[in-house]
PDB file of all heavy atoms in Angstrom:
ATOM      1  N   ASN A   1     113.674 208.725  37.814  1.00  0.00           N
ATOM      2  CA  ASN A   1     113.728 207.699  36.686  1.00  0.00           C
ATOM      3  C   ASN A   1     113.559 206.345  37.360  1.00  0.00           C
ATOM      4  O   ASN A   1     114.075 206.052  38.479  1.00  0.00           O
ATOM      5  CB  ASN A   1     115.084 207.677  36.017  1.00  0.00           C
ATOM      6  CG  ASN A   1     115.170 209.027  35.116  1.00  0.00           C
ATOM      7  OD1 ASN A   1     114.172 209.598  34.735  1.00  0.00           O
ATOM      8  ND2 ASN A   1     116.360 209.208  34.556  1.00  0.00           N
ATOM      9  N   THR A   2     112.876 205.387  36.611  1.00  0.00           N
ATOM     10  CA  THR A   2     112.621 204.117  37.150  1.00  0.00           C
ATOM     11  C   THR A   2     113.130 203.077  36.161  1.00  0.00           C
ATOM     12  O   THR A   2     113.100 203.368  34.937  1.00  0.00           O
ATOM     13  CB  THR A   2     111.099 203.797  37.375  1.00  0.00           C
ATOM     14  OG1 THR A   2     110.376 203.859  36.157  1.00  0.00           O
ATOM     15  CG2 THR A   2     110.518 204.920  38.341  1.00  0.00           C
ATOM     16  N   THR A   3     113.561 201.945  36.666  1.00  0.00           N
ATOM     17  CA  THR A   3     113.916 200.828  35.762  1.00  0.00           C
ATOM     18  C   THR A   3     112.923 199.718  36.141  1.00  0.00           C
ATOM     19  O   THR A   3     112.234 199.590  37.202  1.00  0.00           O
ATOM     20  CB  THR A   3     115.307 200.360  36.094  1.00  0.00           C
ATOM     21  OG1 THR A   3     115.498 200.112  37.546  1.00  0.00           O
ATOM     22  CG2 THR A   3     116.376 201.413  35.606  1.00  0.00           C
ATOM     23  N   GLU A   4     112.851 198.754  35.211  1.00  0.00           N
ATOM     24  CA  GLU A   4     111.792 197.765  35.343  1.00  0.00           C
ATOM     25  C   GLU A   4     112.291 196.702  36.458  1.00  0.00           C
ATOM     26  O   GLU A   4     113.364 196.599  36.790  1.00  0.00           O
ATOM     27  CB  GLU A   4     111.599 197.012  34.023  1.00  0.00           C
ATOM     28  CG  GLU A   4     112.765 196.146  33.527  1.00  0.00           C
ATOM     29  CD  GLU A   4     112.429 195.612  32.138  1.00  0.00           C
ATOM     30  OE1 GLU A   4     111.919 196.277  31.235  1.00  0.00           O
ATOM     31  OE2 GLU A   4     112.753 194.350  32.082  1.00  0.00           O
ATOM     32  N   TYR A   5     111.217 196.041  36.963  1.00  0.00           N
ATOM     33  CA  TYR A   5     111.405 194.936  37.834  1.00  0.00           C
ATOM     34  C   TYR A   5     110.824 193.664  37.340  1.00  0.00           C
ATOM     35  O   TYR A   5     109.896 193.670  36.450  1.00  0.00           O
ATOM     36  CB  TYR A   5     110.968 195.333  39.268  1.00  0.00           C
ATOM     37  CG  TYR A   5     109.392 195.314  39.403  1.00  0.00           C
ATOM     38  CD1 TYR A   5     108.772 194.233  39.896  1.00  0.00           C
ATOM     39  CD2 TYR A   5     108.680 196.437  39.069  1.00  0.00           C
ATOM     40  CE1 TYR A   5     107.358 194.165  40.049  1.00  0.00           C
ATOM     41  CE2 TYR A   5     107.300 196.454  39.118  1.00  0.00           C
ATOM     42  CZ  TYR A   5     106.653 195.298  39.675  1.00  0.00           C
ATOM     43  OH  TYR A   5     105.322 195.328  39.806  1.00  0.00           O
ATOM     44  N   GLY A   6     111.066 192.528  37.833  1.00  0.00           N
ATOM     45  CA  GLY A   6     110.506 191.267  37.276  1.00  0.00           C
ATOM     46  C   GLY A   6     111.028 190.956  35.933  1.00  0.00           C
ATOM     47  O   GLY A   6     112.054 191.336  35.516  1.00  0.00           O
ATOM     48  N   SER A   7     110.119 190.311  35.205  1.00  0.00           N
ATOM     49  CA  SER A   7     110.566 189.774  33.828  1.00  0.00           C
ATOM     50  C   SER A   7     109.670 190.242  32.764  1.00  0.00           C
ATOM     51  O   SER A   7     109.820 189.673  31.599  1.00  0.00           O
ATOM     52  CB  SER A   7     110.659 188.274  33.950  1.00  0.00           C
ATOM     53  OG  SER A   7     109.413 187.668  34.237  1.00  0.00           O
ATOM     54  N   ASP A   8     108.797 191.157  33.055  1.00  0.00           N
ATOM     55  CA  ASP A   8     107.769 191.532  32.028  1.00  0.00           C
ATOM     56  C   ASP A   8     107.630 193.035  31.820  1.00  0.00           C
ATOM     57  O   ASP A   8     106.485 193.478  31.655  1.00  0.00           O
ATOM     58  CB  ASP A   8     106.432 190.826  32.257  1.00  0.00           C
ATOM     59  CG  ASP A   8     105.478 190.811  31.120  1.00  0.00           C
ATOM     60  OD1 ASP A   8     105.942 191.045  30.005  1.00  0.00           O
ATOM     61  OD2 ASP A   8     104.305 190.603  31.290  1.00  0.00           O
ATOM     62  N   HIS A   9     108.710 193.750  31.917  1.00  0.00           N
ATOM     63  CA  HIS A   9     108.794 195.206  31.702  1.00  0.00           C
ATOM     64  C   HIS A   9     107.886 195.993  32.518  1.00  0.00           C
ATOM     65  O   HIS A   9     107.183 196.886  32.134  1.00  0.00           O
ATOM     66  CB  HIS A   9     108.430 195.483  30.185  1.00  0.00           C
ATOM     67  CG  HIS A   9     109.279 194.611  29.212  1.00  0.00           C
ATOM     68  ND1 HIS A   9     110.640 194.706  29.230  1.00  0.00           N
ATOM     69  CD2 HIS A   9     108.916 193.797  28.176  1.00  0.00           C
ATOM     70  CE1 HIS A   9     111.082 193.849  28.274  1.00  0.00           C
ATOM     71  NE2 HIS A   9     110.097 193.372  27.673  1.00  0.00           N
ATOM     72  N   GLN A  10     107.678 195.557  33.884  1.00  0.00           N
ATOM     73  CA  GLN A  10     106.871 196.323  34.740  1.00  0.00           C
ATOM     74  C   GLN A  10     107.718 197.284  35.488  1.00  0.00           C
ATOM     75  O   GLN A  10     108.840 197.060  35.724  1.00  0.00           O
ATOM     76  CB  GLN A  10     106.223 195.380  35.785  1.00  0.00           C
ATOM     77  CG  GLN A  10     105.132 194.481  35.160  1.00  0.00           C
ATOM     78  CD  GLN A  10     104.588 193.613  36.214  1.00  0.00           C
ATOM     79  OE1 GLN A  10     105.034 192.462  36.423  1.00  0.00           O
ATOM     80  NE2 GLN A  10     103.476 193.938  36.898  1.00  0.00           N
ATOM     81  N   HIS A  11     106.978 198.421  35.865  1.00  0.00           N
ATOM     82  CA  HIS A  11     107.674 199.462  36.727  1.00  0.00           C
ATOM     83  C   HIS A  11     106.734 199.818  37.832  1.00  0.00           C
ATOM     84  O   HIS A  11     105.509 199.701  37.702  1.00  0.00           O
ATOM     85  CB  HIS A  11     107.897 200.754  35.813  1.00  0.00           C
ATOM     86  CG  HIS A  11     108.822 200.653  34.778  1.00  0.00           C
ATOM     87  ND1 HIS A  11     110.090 201.356  34.801  1.00  0.00           N
ATOM     88  CD2 HIS A  11     108.925 199.898  33.714  1.00  0.00           C
ATOM     89  CE1 HIS A  11     110.748 201.086  33.765  1.00  0.00           C
ATOM     90  NE2 HIS A  11     110.184 200.239  33.016  1.00  0.00           N
ATOM     91  N   LYS A  12     107.342 200.141  38.859  1.00  0.00           N
ATOM     92  CA  LYS A  12     106.557 200.765  40.038  1.00  0.00           C
ATOM     93  C   LYS A  12     107.411 201.674  40.757  1.00  0.00           C
ATOM     94  O   LYS A  12     108.642 201.558  40.859  1.00  0.00           O
ATOM     95  CB  LYS A  12     106.024 199.682  40.937  1.00  0.00           C
ATOM     96  CG  LYS A  12     107.057 198.917  41.709  1.00  0.00           C
ATOM     97  CD  LYS A  12     106.296 197.860  42.619  1.00  0.00           C
ATOM     98  CE  LYS A  12     107.348 197.018  43.332  1.00  0.00           C
ATOM     99  NZ  LYS A  12     106.684 196.032  44.316  1.00  0.00           N
ATOM    100  N   TYR A  13     106.771 202.675  41.457  1.00  0.00           N
ATOM    101  CA  TYR A  13     107.513 203.577  42.328  1.00  0.00           C
ATOM    102  C   TYR A  13     106.591 203.837  43.474  1.00  0.00           C
ATOM    103  O   TYR A  13     105.406 204.210  43.333  1.00  0.00           O
ATOM    104  CB  TYR A  13     107.859 204.816  41.612  1.00  0.00           C
ATOM    105  CG  TYR A  13     108.760 205.714  42.510  1.00  0.00           C
ATOM    106  CD1 TYR A  13     110.078 205.430  42.628  1.00  0.00           C
ATOM    107  CD2 TYR A  13     108.233 206.754  43.092  1.00  0.00           C
ATOM    108  CE1 TYR A  13     110.912 206.218  43.462  1.00  0.00           C
ATOM    109  CE2 TYR A  13     108.957 207.587  43.924  1.00  0.00           C
ATOM    110  CZ  TYR A  13     110.347 207.235  44.115  1.00  0.00           C
ATOM    111  OH  TYR A  13     111.200 208.024  44.918  1.00  0.00           O
ATOM    112  N   ASN A  14     107.128 203.699  44.675  1.00  0.00           N
ATOM    113  CA  ASN A  14     106.462 204.098  45.956  1.00  0.00           C
ATOM    114  C   ASN A  14     106.699 205.435  46.301  1.00  0.00           C
ATOM    115  O   ASN A  14     107.850 205.811  46.836  1.00  0.00           O
ATOM    116  CB  ASN A  14     106.799 203.040  47.106  1.00  0.00           C
ATOM    117  CG  ASN A  14     105.912 203.114  48.216  1.00  0.00           C
ATOM    118  OD1 ASN A  14     104.656 203.231  48.079  1.00  0.00           O
ATOM    119  ND2 ASN A  14     106.521 203.149  49.389  1.00  0.00           N
ATOM    120  N   ILE A  15     105.792 206.347  46.169  1.00  0.00           N
ATOM    121  CA  ILE A  15     105.934 207.779  46.526  1.00  0.00           C
ATOM    122  C   ILE A  15     105.830 207.832  48.062  1.00  0.00           C
ATOM    123  O   ILE A  15     104.862 207.420  48.630  1.00  0.00           O
ATOM    124  CB  ILE A  15     104.875 208.654  45.923  1.00  0.00           C
ATOM    125  CG1 ILE A  15     104.974 208.490  44.310  1.00  0.00           C
ATOM    126  CG2 ILE A  15     105.064 210.098  46.269  1.00  0.00           C
ATOM    127  CD1 ILE A  15     103.858 209.246  43.578  1.00  0.00           C
ATOM    128  N   THR A  16     106.848 208.499  48.736  1.00  0.00           N
ATOM    129  CA  THR A  16     106.870 208.634  50.170  1.00  0.00           C
ATOM    130  C   THR A  16     106.775 210.134  50.467  1.00  0.00           C
ATOM    131  O   THR A  16     106.850 211.019  49.646  1.00  0.00           O
ATOM    132  CB  THR A  16     108.102 208.028  50.716  1.00  0.00           C
ATOM    133  OG1 THR A  16     109.231 208.717  50.211  1.00  0.00           O
ATOM    134  CG2 THR A  16     108.170 206.496  50.395  1.00  0.00           C
ATOM    135  N   GLY A  17     106.680 210.370  51.815  1.00  0.00           N
ATOM    136  CA  GLY A  17     106.759 211.802  52.339  1.00  0.00           C
ATOM    137  C   GLY A  17     105.420 212.544  51.991  1.00  0.00           C
ATOM    138  O   GLY A  17     105.421 213.798  52.024  1.00  0.00           O
ATOM    139  N   LEU A  18     104.263 211.842  51.701  1.00  0.00           N
ATOM    140  CA  LEU A  18     102.994 212.510  51.452  1.00  0.00           C
ATOM    141  C   LEU A  18     102.368 213.166  52.768  1.00  0.00           C
ATOM    142  O   LEU A  18     102.688 212.588  53.925  1.00  0.00           O
ATOM    143  CB  LEU A  18     102.064 211.568  50.749  1.00  0.00           C
ATOM    144  CG  LEU A  18     102.614 210.875  49.532  1.00  0.00           C
ATOM    145  CD1 LEU A  18     101.545 209.873  49.088  1.00  0.00           C
ATOM    146  CD2 LEU A  18     102.726 211.934  48.446  1.00  0.00           C
ATOM    147  N   THR A  19     101.630 214.097  52.554  1.00  0.00           N
ATOM    148  CA  THR A  19     100.813 214.707  53.607  1.00  0.00           C
ATOM    149  C   THR A  19      99.455 214.074  53.667  1.00  0.00           C
ATOM    150  O   THR A  19      98.761 214.167  52.673  1.00  0.00           O
ATOM    151  CB  THR A  19     100.704 216.200  53.536  1.00  0.00           C
ATOM    152  OG1 THR A  19     102.026 216.838  53.540  1.00  0.00           O
ATOM    153  CG2 THR A  19      99.842 216.787  54.647  1.00  0.00           C
ATOM    154  N   PRO A  20      99.112 213.374  54.722  1.00  0.00           N
ATOM    155  CA  PRO A  20      97.818 212.676  54.807  1.00  0.00           C
ATOM    156  C   PRO A  20      96.650 213.500  54.431  1.00  0.00           C
ATOM    157  O   PRO A  20      96.569 214.692  54.794  1.00  0.00           O
ATOM    158  CB  PRO A  20      97.692 212.124  56.219  1.00  0.00           C
ATOM    159  CG  PRO A  20      99.088 211.916  56.645  1.00  0.00           C
ATOM    160  CD  PRO A  20      99.773 213.098  55.997  1.00  0.00           C
ATOM    161  N   GLY A  21      95.784 213.033  53.564  1.00  0.00           N
ATOM    162  CA  GLY A  21      94.528 213.713  53.143  1.00  0.00           C
ATOM    163  C   GLY A  21      94.677 214.714  52.124  1.00  0.00           C
ATOM    164  O   GLY A  21      93.717 215.355  51.609  1.00  0.00           O
ATOM    165  N   THR A  22      95.946 214.932  51.608  1.00  0.00           N
ATOM    166  CA  THR A  22      96.208 215.911  50.569  1.00  0.00           C
ATOM    167  C   THR A  22      96.210 215.363  49.176  1.00  0.00           C
ATOM    168  O   THR A  22      96.499 214.171  48.881  1.00  0.00           O
ATOM    169  CB  THR A  22      97.617 216.524  50.796  1.00  0.00           C
ATOM    170  OG1 THR A  22      97.732 217.097  52.050  1.00  0.00           O
ATOM    171  CG2 THR A  22      98.060 217.507  49.680  1.00  0.00           C
ATOM    172  N   LYS A  23      95.602 216.099  48.244  1.00  0.00           N
ATOM    173  CA  LYS A  23      95.621 215.673  46.851  1.00  0.00           C
ATOM    174  C   LYS A  23      96.864 215.795  46.137  1.00  0.00           C
ATOM    175  O   LYS A  23      97.476 216.915  46.213  1.00  0.00           O
ATOM    176  CB  LYS A  23      94.452 216.308  46.042  1.00  0.00           C
ATOM    177  CG  LYS A  23      94.229 215.759  44.616  1.00  0.00           C
ATOM    178  CD  LYS A  23      93.024 216.298  44.023  1.00  0.00           C
ATOM    179  CE  LYS A  23      92.855 215.666  42.597  1.00  0.00           C
ATOM    180  NZ  LYS A  23      91.563 216.162  41.896  1.00  0.00           N
ATOM    181  N   TYR A  24      97.275 214.821  45.316  1.00  0.00           N
ATOM    182  CA  TYR A  24      98.556 214.899  44.578  1.00  0.00           C
ATOM    183  C   TYR A  24      98.253 214.590  43.084  1.00  0.00           C
ATOM    184  O   TYR A  24      97.369 213.878  42.811  1.00  0.00           O
ATOM    185  CB  TYR A  24      99.632 213.932  45.117  1.00  0.00           C
ATOM    186  CG  TYR A  24     100.124 214.361  46.462  1.00  0.00           C
ATOM    187  CD1 TYR A  24      99.425 214.035  47.695  1.00  0.00           C
ATOM    188  CD2 TYR A  24     101.342 215.064  46.558  1.00  0.00           C
ATOM    189  CE1 TYR A  24     100.011 214.393  48.918  1.00  0.00           C
ATOM    190  CE2 TYR A  24     101.839 215.436  47.786  1.00  0.00           C
ATOM    191  CZ  TYR A  24     101.180 215.106  48.957  1.00  0.00           C
ATOM    192  OH  TYR A  24     101.687 215.504  50.212  1.00  0.00           O
ATOM    193  N   TYR A  25      99.103 215.027  42.257  1.00  0.00           N
ATOM    194  CA  TYR A  25      99.074 214.768  40.903  1.00  0.00           C
ATOM    195  C   TYR A  25     100.376 214.118  40.505  1.00  0.00           C
ATOM    196  O   TYR A  25     101.448 214.442  41.046  1.00  0.00           O
ATOM    197  CB  TYR A  25      98.883 216.084  40.017  1.00  0.00           C
ATOM    198  CG  TYR A  25      97.645 216.859  40.385  1.00  0.00           C
ATOM    199  CD1 TYR A  25      97.633 217.673  41.477  1.00  0.00           C
ATOM    200  CD2 TYR A  25      96.501 216.738  39.606  1.00  0.00           C
ATOM    201  CE1 TYR A  25      96.437 218.372  41.822  1.00  0.00           C
ATOM    202  CE2 TYR A  25      95.374 217.419  39.903  1.00  0.00           C
ATOM    203  CZ  TYR A  25      95.373 218.296  41.079  1.00  0.00           C
ATOM    204  OH  TYR A  25      94.213 219.001  41.326  1.00  0.00           O
ATOM    205  N   TYR A  26     100.301 213.208  39.520  1.00  0.00           N
ATOM    206  CA  TYR A  26     101.553 212.614  39.006  1.00  0.00           C
ATOM    207  C   TYR A  26     101.497 212.435  37.439  1.00  0.00           C
ATOM    208  O   TYR A  26     100.457 212.473  36.890  1.00  0.00           O
ATOM    209  CB  TYR A  26     101.707 211.160  39.710  1.00  0.00           C
ATOM    210  CG  TYR A  26     100.694 210.116  39.328  1.00  0.00           C
ATOM    211  CD1 TYR A  26     100.935 209.282  38.212  1.00  0.00           C
ATOM    212  CD2 TYR A  26      99.476 209.983  40.001  1.00  0.00           C
ATOM    213  CE1 TYR A  26     100.088 208.355  37.882  1.00  0.00           C
ATOM    214  CE2 TYR A  26      98.591 209.059  39.613  1.00  0.00           C
ATOM    215  CZ  TYR A  26      98.790 208.166  38.474  1.00  0.00           C
ATOM    216  OH  TYR A  26      97.928 207.219  38.230  1.00  0.00           O
ATOM    217  N   ARG A  27     102.715 212.291  37.027  1.00  0.00           N
ATOM    218  CA  ARG A  27     102.894 212.118  35.510  1.00  0.00           C
ATOM    219  C   ARG A  27     103.940 210.961  35.306  1.00  0.00           C
ATOM    220  O   ARG A  27     104.978 211.015  35.894  1.00  0.00           O
ATOM    221  CB  ARG A  27     103.346 213.322  34.855  1.00  0.00           C
ATOM    222  CG  ARG A  27     103.604 213.272  33.398  1.00  0.00           C
ATOM    223  CD  ARG A  27     104.201 214.539  32.758  1.00  0.00           C
ATOM    224  NE  ARG A  27     105.538 214.724  33.353  1.00  0.00           N
ATOM    225  CZ  ARG A  27     106.018 215.943  33.609  1.00  0.00           C
ATOM    226  NH1 ARG A  27     105.315 217.087  33.319  1.00  0.00           N
ATOM    227  NH2 ARG A  27     107.235 216.089  34.127  1.00  0.00           N
ATOM    228  N   VAL A  28     103.533 209.929  34.469  1.00  0.00           N
ATOM    229  CA  VAL A  28     104.507 208.925  34.152  1.00  0.00           C
ATOM    230  C   VAL A  28     104.909 209.078  32.723  1.00  0.00           C
ATOM    231  O   VAL A  28     104.027 209.173  31.865  1.00  0.00           O
ATOM    232  CB  VAL A  28     103.859 207.442  34.444  1.00  0.00           C
ATOM    233  CG1 VAL A  28     104.862 206.443  33.935  1.00  0.00           C
ATOM    234  CG2 VAL A  28     103.623 207.325  35.926  1.00  0.00           C
ATOM    235  N   THR A  29     106.143 209.104  32.443  1.00  0.00           N
ATOM    236  CA  THR A  29     106.708 209.251  30.999  1.00  0.00           C
ATOM    237  C   THR A  29     107.289 207.956  30.536  1.00  0.00           C
ATOM    238  O   THR A  29     108.224 207.366  31.290  1.00  0.00           O
ATOM    239  CB  THR A  29     107.714 210.451  30.861  1.00  0.00           C
ATOM    240  OG1 THR A  29     107.009 211.621  31.245  1.00  0.00           O
ATOM    241  CG2 THR A  29     108.183 210.557  29.538  1.00  0.00           C
ATOM    242  N   MET A  30     106.727 207.403  29.532  1.00  0.00           N
ATOM    243  CA  MET A  30     107.202 206.087  28.977  1.00  0.00           C
ATOM    244  C   MET A  30     107.550 206.278  27.534  1.00  0.00           C
ATOM    245  O   MET A  30     106.765 206.419  26.671  1.00  0.00           O
ATOM    246  CB  MET A  30     106.107 205.044  29.065  1.00  0.00           C
ATOM    247  CG  MET A  30     105.493 204.867  30.457  1.00  0.00           C
ATOM    248  SD  MET A  30     103.809 204.177  30.517  1.00  0.00           S
ATOM    249  CE  MET A  30     102.831 205.670  30.300  1.00  0.00           C
TER     250      MET A  30
END
């Protein structure tokens, strides 16, 4: 789960632990 940062309802998440060169899929629910 993410909460907003800044003052304009922005969200971001830094995904870590990835395997270099590997394809990943993601889903953001708002």
